[in-house]
């Protein structure tokens, strides 16, 4: 257990964040799985929209990196397109694409850029006259 007050606070804050992130991850995984099950049915477009929405939420909260979120959405759309145009024989391929789209560990949130301060012009100190020798 931490002894320092700030370390105790970090433990509380990080545990709350971990709970929040795990809820987001769970809802993301369930949305992707329900989309995978609905690939052969007519509800695949609704499930696709729900899955995309969950991916966007996860990316907004920093659970998924924005590029990874875009990649996952692309994979889901590709799987939906493959299953829509072909009979049930292509459904296993589409489901395999959805399995690859399962979310991974949390990426570090993006850091905000630090604004540079304008450097003030330095003032030159006036030199004192040299002391006279006697």
N, C-alpha and C. Protein backbone atom coordinates (compact mmCIF):
# COMPACT_ATOMS: atom_id res chain seq x y z
N UNK A 1 0.84 -1.19 0.00
CA UNK A 1 0.00 0.00 0.00
C UNK A 1 0.88 1.25 0.00
N UNK A 2 0.44 2.26 -0.73
CA UNK A 2 1.21 3.50 -0.74
C UNK A 2 1.10 4.25 0.59
N UNK A 3 2.12 4.98 0.91
CA UNK A 3 2.16 5.74 2.15
C UNK A 3 1.88 7.22 1.87
N UNK A 4 2.42 7.70 0.78
CA UNK A 4 2.30 9.12 0.44
C UNK A 4 0.87 9.43 -0.01
N UNK A 5 0.40 10.60 0.38
CA UNK A 5 -0.98 11.00 0.11
C UNK A 5 -1.30 11.03 -1.39
N UNK A 6 -0.40 11.56 -2.19
CA UNK A 6 -0.64 11.65 -3.64
C UNK A 6 -0.66 10.26 -4.27
N UNK A 7 0.14 9.34 -3.75
CA UNK A 7 0.15 7.97 -4.27
C UNK A 7 -1.16 7.27 -3.93
N UNK A 8 -1.71 7.54 -2.74
CA UNK A 8 -3.01 6.96 -2.37
C UNK A 8 -4.09 7.45 -3.32
N UNK A 9 -4.04 8.73 -3.65
CA UNK A 9 -5.03 9.29 -4.57
C UNK A 9 -4.89 8.68 -5.96
N UNK A 10 -3.65 8.47 -6.41
CA UNK A 10 -3.45 7.86 -7.73
C UNK A 10 -4.04 6.46 -7.79
N UNK A 11 -3.94 5.72 -6.68
CA UNK A 11 -4.52 4.37 -6.64
C UNK A 11 -6.02 4.44 -6.81
N UNK A 12 -6.67 5.38 -6.11
CA UNK A 12 -8.12 5.54 -6.24
C UNK A 12 -8.52 5.93 -7.65
N UNK A 13 -7.82 6.91 -8.19
CA UNK A 13 -8.15 7.43 -9.53
C UNK A 13 -7.93 6.36 -10.59
N UNK A 14 -6.81 5.64 -10.48
CA UNK A 14 -6.52 4.62 -11.50
C UNK A 14 -7.49 3.45 -11.40
N UNK A 15 -7.95 3.10 -10.19
CA UNK A 15 -8.91 2.00 -10.08
C UNK A 15 -10.25 2.40 -10.67
N UNK A 16 -10.66 3.66 -10.48
CA UNK A 16 -11.91 4.13 -11.10
C UNK A 16 -11.79 4.11 -12.62
N UNK A 17 -10.65 4.54 -13.13
CA UNK A 17 -10.44 4.56 -14.58
C UNK A 17 -10.42 3.14 -15.14
N UNK A 18 -9.84 2.20 -14.39
CA UNK A 18 -9.79 0.81 -14.84
C UNK A 18 -11.19 0.23 -14.94
N UNK A 19 -12.04 0.55 -13.98
CA UNK A 19 -13.42 0.07 -14.02
C UNK A 19 -14.15 0.67 -15.21
N UNK A 20 -13.96 1.97 -15.42
CA UNK A 20 -14.61 2.65 -16.54
C UNK A 20 -14.15 2.07 -17.87
N UNK A 21 -12.84 1.82 -17.99
CA UNK A 21 -12.30 1.26 -19.24
C UNK A 21 -12.79 -0.16 -19.46
N UNK A 22 -12.90 -0.95 -18.39
CA UNK A 22 -13.35 -2.34 -18.56
C UNK A 22 -14.81 -2.38 -19.01
N UNK A 23 -15.63 -1.44 -18.53
CA UNK A 23 -17.03 -1.38 -18.99
C UNK A 23 -17.09 -1.05 -20.48
N UNK A 24 -16.25 -0.11 -20.89
CA UNK A 24 -16.22 0.28 -22.30
C UNK A 24 -15.75 -0.89 -23.17
N UNK A 25 -14.71 -1.59 -22.72
CA UNK A 25 -14.20 -2.74 -23.47
C UNK A 25 -15.24 -3.84 -23.57
N UNK A 26 -15.95 -4.10 -22.47
CA UNK A 26 -16.97 -5.16 -22.46
C UNK A 26 -18.09 -4.84 -23.43
N UNK A 27 -18.58 -3.60 -23.43
CA UNK A 27 -19.66 -3.22 -24.35
C UNK A 27 -19.17 -3.29 -25.80
N UNK A 28 -17.90 -2.95 -26.02
CA UNK A 28 -17.32 -3.02 -27.36
C UNK A 28 -17.27 -4.47 -27.84
N UNK A 29 -16.76 -5.34 -26.99
CA UNK A 29 -16.66 -6.76 -27.36
C UNK A 29 -18.03 -7.36 -27.63
N UNK A 30 -19.03 -7.03 -26.78
CA UNK A 30 -20.36 -7.61 -26.96
C UNK A 30 -21.00 -7.10 -28.25
N UNK A 31 -20.76 -5.84 -28.60
CA UNK A 31 -21.32 -5.29 -29.84
C UNK A 31 -20.70 -5.98 -31.06
N UNK A 32 -19.40 -6.23 -31.00
CA UNK A 32 -18.72 -6.90 -32.12
C UNK A 32 -19.20 -8.34 -32.25
N UNK A 33 -19.37 -9.01 -31.11
CA UNK A 33 -19.85 -10.39 -31.14
C UNK A 33 -21.28 -10.48 -31.67
N UNK A 34 -22.14 -9.56 -31.25
CA UNK A 34 -23.52 -9.58 -31.74
C UNK A 34 -23.57 -9.28 -33.23
N UNK A 35 -22.66 -8.44 -33.71
CA UNK A 35 -22.58 -8.19 -35.14
C UNK A 35 -22.15 -9.46 -35.88
N UNK A 36 -21.20 -10.19 -35.31
CA UNK A 36 -20.74 -11.44 -35.93
C UNK A 36 -21.85 -12.46 -36.03
N UNK A 37 -22.71 -12.53 -35.01
CA UNK A 37 -23.84 -13.46 -35.04
C UNK A 37 -24.90 -13.02 -36.03
N UNK A 38 -25.05 -11.72 -36.23
CA UNK A 38 -26.10 -11.19 -37.10
C UNK A 38 -25.66 -11.08 -38.55
N UNK A 39 -24.47 -11.53 -38.88
CA UNK A 39 -23.98 -11.39 -40.26
C UNK A 39 -24.88 -12.10 -41.27
N UNK A 40 -25.40 -13.25 -40.91
CA UNK A 40 -26.23 -14.00 -41.86
C UNK A 40 -27.66 -13.49 -41.89
N UNK A 41 -28.09 -12.76 -40.89
CA UNK A 41 -29.46 -12.27 -40.82
C UNK A 41 -29.65 -10.92 -41.47
N UNK A 42 -30.87 -10.40 -41.31
CA UNK A 42 -31.19 -9.10 -41.90
C UNK A 42 -30.83 -7.94 -40.97
N UNK A 43 -30.56 -8.23 -39.71
CA UNK A 43 -30.25 -7.18 -38.75
C UNK A 43 -28.78 -6.78 -38.77
N UNK A 44 -28.05 -7.24 -39.74
CA UNK A 44 -26.61 -6.98 -39.73
C UNK A 44 -26.30 -5.49 -39.87
N UNK A 45 -27.12 -4.74 -40.60
CA UNK A 45 -26.85 -3.31 -40.74
C UNK A 45 -27.05 -2.57 -39.42
N UNK A 46 -28.06 -2.97 -38.65
CA UNK A 46 -28.28 -2.35 -37.34
C UNK A 46 -27.13 -2.69 -36.40
N UNK A 47 -26.75 -3.96 -36.42
CA UNK A 47 -25.65 -4.39 -35.55
C UNK A 47 -24.33 -3.75 -35.97
N UNK A 48 -24.16 -3.54 -37.27
CA UNK A 48 -22.95 -2.87 -37.75
C UNK A 48 -22.89 -1.44 -37.21
N UNK A 49 -24.03 -0.75 -37.26
CA UNK A 49 -24.08 0.62 -36.75
C UNK A 49 -23.80 0.66 -35.25
N UNK A 50 -24.34 -0.31 -34.50
CA UNK A 50 -24.10 -0.36 -33.05
C UNK A 50 -22.62 -0.61 -32.77
N UNK A 51 -22.04 -1.54 -33.53
CA UNK A 51 -20.62 -1.86 -33.33
C UNK A 51 -19.74 -0.66 -33.66
N UNK A 52 -20.05 0.03 -34.74
CA UNK A 52 -19.28 1.22 -35.11
C UNK A 52 -19.41 2.30 -34.05
N UNK A 53 -20.61 2.44 -33.50
CA UNK A 53 -20.84 3.42 -32.46
C UNK A 53 -20.01 3.10 -31.21
N UNK A 54 -19.98 1.83 -30.83
CA UNK A 54 -19.19 1.42 -29.66
C UNK A 54 -17.69 1.63 -29.90
N UNK A 55 -17.25 1.38 -31.12
CA UNK A 55 -15.84 1.60 -31.46
C UNK A 55 -15.51 3.09 -31.34
N UNK A 56 -16.41 3.94 -31.84
CA UNK A 56 -16.19 5.38 -31.76
C UNK A 56 -16.14 5.85 -30.30
N UNK A 57 -17.03 5.31 -29.47
CA UNK A 57 -17.03 5.68 -28.05
C UNK A 57 -15.73 5.27 -27.38
N UNK A 58 -15.27 4.07 -27.69
CA UNK A 58 -14.02 3.59 -27.09
C UNK A 58 -12.84 4.46 -27.53
N UNK A 59 -12.85 4.87 -28.79
CA UNK A 59 -11.76 5.73 -29.29
C UNK A 59 -11.82 7.11 -28.64
N UNK A 60 -13.02 7.61 -28.44
CA UNK A 60 -13.19 8.93 -27.82
C UNK A 60 -12.71 8.92 -26.38
N UNK A 61 -12.94 7.81 -25.67
CA UNK A 61 -12.55 7.71 -24.27
C UNK A 61 -11.08 7.33 -24.10
N UNK A 62 -10.40 7.01 -25.18
CA UNK A 62 -8.99 6.68 -25.10
C UNK A 62 -8.71 5.22 -24.84
N UNK A 63 -9.74 4.38 -24.93
CA UNK A 63 -9.54 2.94 -24.74
C UNK A 63 -8.91 2.34 -25.99
N UNK A 64 -9.31 2.82 -27.15
CA UNK A 64 -8.73 2.40 -28.43
C UNK A 64 -8.05 3.61 -29.08
N UNK A 65 -6.96 3.35 -29.77
CA UNK A 65 -6.30 4.41 -30.54
C UNK A 65 -7.17 4.72 -31.75
N UNK A 66 -7.16 5.97 -32.20
CA UNK A 66 -8.06 6.37 -33.29
C UNK A 66 -7.78 5.62 -34.59
N UNK A 67 -6.52 5.30 -34.87
CA UNK A 67 -6.21 4.56 -36.09
C UNK A 67 -6.70 3.12 -35.98
N UNK A 68 -6.58 2.54 -34.80
CA UNK A 68 -7.05 1.18 -34.60
C UNK A 68 -8.57 1.14 -34.72
N UNK A 69 -9.25 2.16 -34.19
CA UNK A 69 -10.70 2.22 -34.29
C UNK A 69 -11.13 2.30 -35.76
N UNK A 70 -10.44 3.10 -36.53
CA UNK A 70 -10.76 3.22 -37.96
C UNK A 70 -10.53 1.89 -38.67
N UNK A 71 -9.46 1.20 -38.30
CA UNK A 71 -9.17 -0.10 -38.90
C UNK A 71 -10.24 -1.12 -38.56
N UNK A 72 -10.70 -1.14 -37.31
CA UNK A 72 -11.74 -2.08 -36.89
C UNK A 72 -13.04 -1.81 -37.62
N UNK A 73 -13.40 -0.54 -37.75
CA UNK A 73 -14.64 -0.20 -38.46
C UNK A 73 -14.56 -0.63 -39.92
N UNK A 74 -13.40 -0.47 -40.50
CA UNK A 74 -13.21 -0.88 -41.89
C UNK A 74 -13.35 -2.39 -42.03
N UNK A 75 -12.77 -3.12 -41.08
CA UNK A 75 -12.87 -4.59 -41.12
C UNK A 75 -14.31 -5.06 -40.97
N UNK A 76 -15.07 -4.40 -40.09
CA UNK A 76 -16.47 -4.78 -39.91
C UNK A 76 -17.29 -4.49 -41.16
N UNK A 77 -17.03 -3.34 -41.77
CA UNK A 77 -17.75 -2.99 -42.99
C UNK A 77 -17.43 -3.96 -44.11
N UNK A 78 -16.18 -4.36 -44.17
CA UNK A 78 -15.76 -5.32 -45.19
C UNK A 78 -16.45 -6.67 -44.97
N UNK A 79 -16.55 -7.09 -43.71
CA UNK A 79 -17.22 -8.35 -43.39
C UNK A 79 -18.71 -8.28 -43.72
N UNK A 80 -19.33 -7.13 -43.44
CA UNK A 80 -20.76 -6.95 -43.74
C UNK A 80 -21.00 -6.98 -45.25
N UNK A 81 -20.11 -6.36 -45.98
CA UNK A 81 -20.25 -6.33 -47.44
C UNK A 81 -20.07 -7.73 -48.02
N UNK A 82 -19.12 -8.48 -47.46
CA UNK A 82 -18.88 -9.84 -47.95
C UNK A 82 -20.06 -10.74 -47.68
N UNK A 83 -20.72 -10.57 -46.54
CA UNK A 83 -21.84 -11.46 -46.20
C UNK A 83 -23.13 -11.02 -46.88
N UNK A 84 -23.25 -9.74 -47.24
CA UNK A 84 -24.48 -9.25 -47.85
C UNK A 84 -24.61 -9.69 -49.30
N UNK A 85 -23.53 -9.69 -50.04
CA UNK A 85 -23.59 -9.98 -51.46
C UNK A 85 -23.56 -11.46 -51.80
N UNK A 86 -23.21 -12.30 -50.87
CA UNK A 86 -23.03 -13.71 -51.15
C UNK A 86 -23.95 -14.54 -50.26
N UNK A 87 -24.12 -15.79 -50.59
CA UNK A 87 -24.99 -16.66 -49.81
C UNK A 87 -24.36 -17.00 -48.46
N UNK A 88 -24.95 -17.93 -47.75
CA UNK A 88 -24.47 -18.31 -46.43
C UNK A 88 -23.11 -19.00 -46.47
N UNK A 89 -22.66 -19.39 -47.64
CA UNK A 89 -21.36 -20.05 -47.75
C UNK A 89 -20.21 -19.09 -47.41
N UNK A 90 -20.41 -17.81 -47.63
CA UNK A 90 -19.36 -16.83 -47.35
C UNK A 90 -19.40 -16.34 -45.90
N UNK A 91 -20.44 -16.71 -45.17
CA UNK A 91 -20.56 -16.23 -43.78
C UNK A 91 -19.39 -16.64 -42.90
N UNK A 92 -18.84 -17.87 -43.01
CA UNK A 92 -17.69 -18.20 -42.16
C UNK A 92 -16.49 -17.29 -42.40
N UNK A 93 -16.27 -16.87 -43.64
CA UNK A 93 -15.16 -15.95 -43.93
C UNK A 93 -15.41 -14.61 -43.26
N UNK A 94 -16.66 -14.14 -43.32
CA UNK A 94 -16.99 -12.87 -42.70
C UNK A 94 -16.86 -12.95 -41.19
N UNK A 95 -17.26 -14.08 -40.60
CA UNK A 95 -17.13 -14.25 -39.16
C UNK A 95 -15.66 -14.30 -38.76
N UNK A 96 -14.82 -14.87 -39.60
CA UNK A 96 -13.40 -14.92 -39.31
C UNK A 96 -12.82 -13.51 -39.30
N UNK A 97 -13.32 -12.66 -40.18
CA UNK A 97 -12.86 -11.27 -40.20
C UNK A 97 -13.28 -10.54 -38.93
N UNK A 98 -14.46 -10.89 -38.41
CA UNK A 98 -14.93 -10.26 -37.18
C UNK A 98 -14.09 -10.72 -35.99
N UNK A 99 -13.68 -11.99 -35.98
CA UNK A 99 -12.85 -12.49 -34.89
C UNK A 99 -11.51 -11.76 -34.85
N UNK A 100 -10.99 -11.42 -36.01
CA UNK A 100 -9.74 -10.66 -36.06
C UNK A 100 -9.94 -9.25 -35.53
N UNK A 101 -11.17 -8.75 -35.58
CA UNK A 101 -11.46 -7.38 -35.18
C UNK A 101 -11.69 -7.24 -33.69
N UNK A 102 -11.43 -8.27 -32.90
CA UNK A 102 -11.62 -8.18 -31.45
C UNK A 102 -10.66 -7.15 -30.87
N UNK A 103 -11.12 -6.33 -29.92
CA UNK A 103 -10.26 -5.28 -29.37
C UNK A 103 -9.14 -5.84 -28.52
N UNK A 104 -8.05 -5.09 -28.47
CA UNK A 104 -6.87 -5.49 -27.71
C UNK A 104 -6.70 -4.59 -26.50
N UNK A 105 -5.51 -4.55 -25.96
CA UNK A 105 -5.25 -3.77 -24.76
C UNK A 105 -5.35 -2.27 -25.04
N UNK A 106 -5.51 -1.52 -23.95
CA UNK A 106 -5.68 -0.09 -24.05
C UNK A 106 -4.39 0.58 -24.50
N UNK A 107 -4.53 1.51 -25.43
CA UNK A 107 -3.39 2.31 -25.87
C UNK A 107 -3.30 3.54 -24.97
N UNK A 108 -2.13 4.08 -24.85
CA UNK A 108 -1.93 5.27 -24.03
C UNK A 108 -2.67 6.43 -24.67
N UNK A 109 -3.36 7.26 -23.86
CA UNK A 109 -4.08 8.40 -24.43
C UNK A 109 -3.10 9.40 -25.03
N UNK A 110 -3.58 10.08 -26.05
CA UNK A 110 -2.73 11.04 -26.75
C UNK A 110 -2.43 12.23 -25.85
N UNK A 111 -1.20 12.70 -25.90
CA UNK A 111 -0.81 13.84 -25.08
C UNK A 111 -1.10 15.12 -25.84
N UNK A 112 -1.50 16.13 -25.07
CA UNK A 112 -1.78 17.42 -25.68
C UNK A 112 -0.46 18.12 -26.01
N UNK A 113 -0.39 18.80 -27.14
CA UNK A 113 0.84 19.52 -27.47
C UNK A 113 1.03 20.71 -26.54
N UNK A 114 2.24 20.93 -26.14
CA UNK A 114 2.56 22.02 -25.24
C UNK A 114 2.81 23.28 -26.06
N UNK A 115 2.10 24.35 -25.71
CA UNK A 115 2.27 25.61 -26.43
C UNK A 115 3.58 26.25 -26.00
N UNK A 116 4.34 26.73 -26.97
CA UNK A 116 5.61 27.37 -26.67
C UNK A 116 5.36 28.83 -26.35
N UNK A 117 6.03 29.29 -25.31
CA UNK A 117 5.90 30.69 -24.92
C UNK A 117 6.85 31.53 -25.76
N UNK A 118 6.39 32.72 -26.08
CA UNK A 118 7.24 33.62 -26.85
C UNK A 118 8.37 34.10 -25.95
N UNK A 119 9.58 34.00 -26.43
CA UNK A 119 10.74 34.40 -25.64
C UNK A 119 10.82 35.92 -25.59
N UNK A 120 10.86 36.47 -24.38
CA UNK A 120 10.97 37.91 -24.21
C UNK A 120 12.41 38.33 -24.53
N UNK A 121 12.57 39.48 -25.19
CA UNK A 121 13.93 39.92 -25.50
C UNK A 121 14.70 40.19 -24.21
N UNK A 122 15.94 39.73 -24.16
CA UNK A 122 16.76 39.90 -22.97
C UNK A 122 17.28 41.33 -22.91
N UNK A 123 17.24 41.85 -21.67
CA UNK A 123 17.75 43.20 -21.47
C UNK A 123 19.24 43.11 -21.13
N UNK A 124 20.01 43.95 -21.76
CA UNK A 124 21.44 43.97 -21.50
C UNK A 124 21.71 44.87 -20.30
N UNK A 125 22.37 44.32 -19.31
CA UNK A 125 22.66 45.10 -18.11
C UNK A 125 23.77 46.12 -18.43
N UNK A 126 23.60 47.34 -17.93
CA UNK A 126 24.59 48.39 -18.14
C UNK A 126 25.83 48.08 -17.30
N UNK A 127 27.00 48.26 -17.90
CA UNK A 127 28.25 47.98 -17.17
C UNK A 127 28.59 49.14 -16.24
N UNK A 128 29.10 48.78 -15.08
CA UNK A 128 29.53 49.81 -14.14
C UNK A 128 30.93 50.26 -14.56
N UNK A 129 31.21 51.52 -14.35
CA UNK A 129 32.57 51.98 -14.68
C UNK A 129 33.60 51.33 -13.76
N UNK A 130 34.75 51.10 -14.30
CA UNK A 130 35.81 50.45 -13.53
C UNK A 130 36.25 51.35 -12.36
N UNK A 131 36.58 50.75 -11.27
CA UNK A 131 37.01 51.51 -10.10
C UNK A 131 38.41 52.09 -10.36
N UNK A 132 38.63 53.31 -9.89
CA UNK A 132 39.94 53.97 -10.10
C UNK A 132 40.94 53.45 -9.09
N UNK A 133 42.14 53.23 -9.56
CA UNK A 133 43.20 52.76 -8.67
C UNK A 133 43.93 53.98 -8.11
N UNK A 134 44.37 53.90 -6.87
CA UNK A 134 45.08 55.01 -6.26
C UNK A 134 46.55 54.82 -6.26
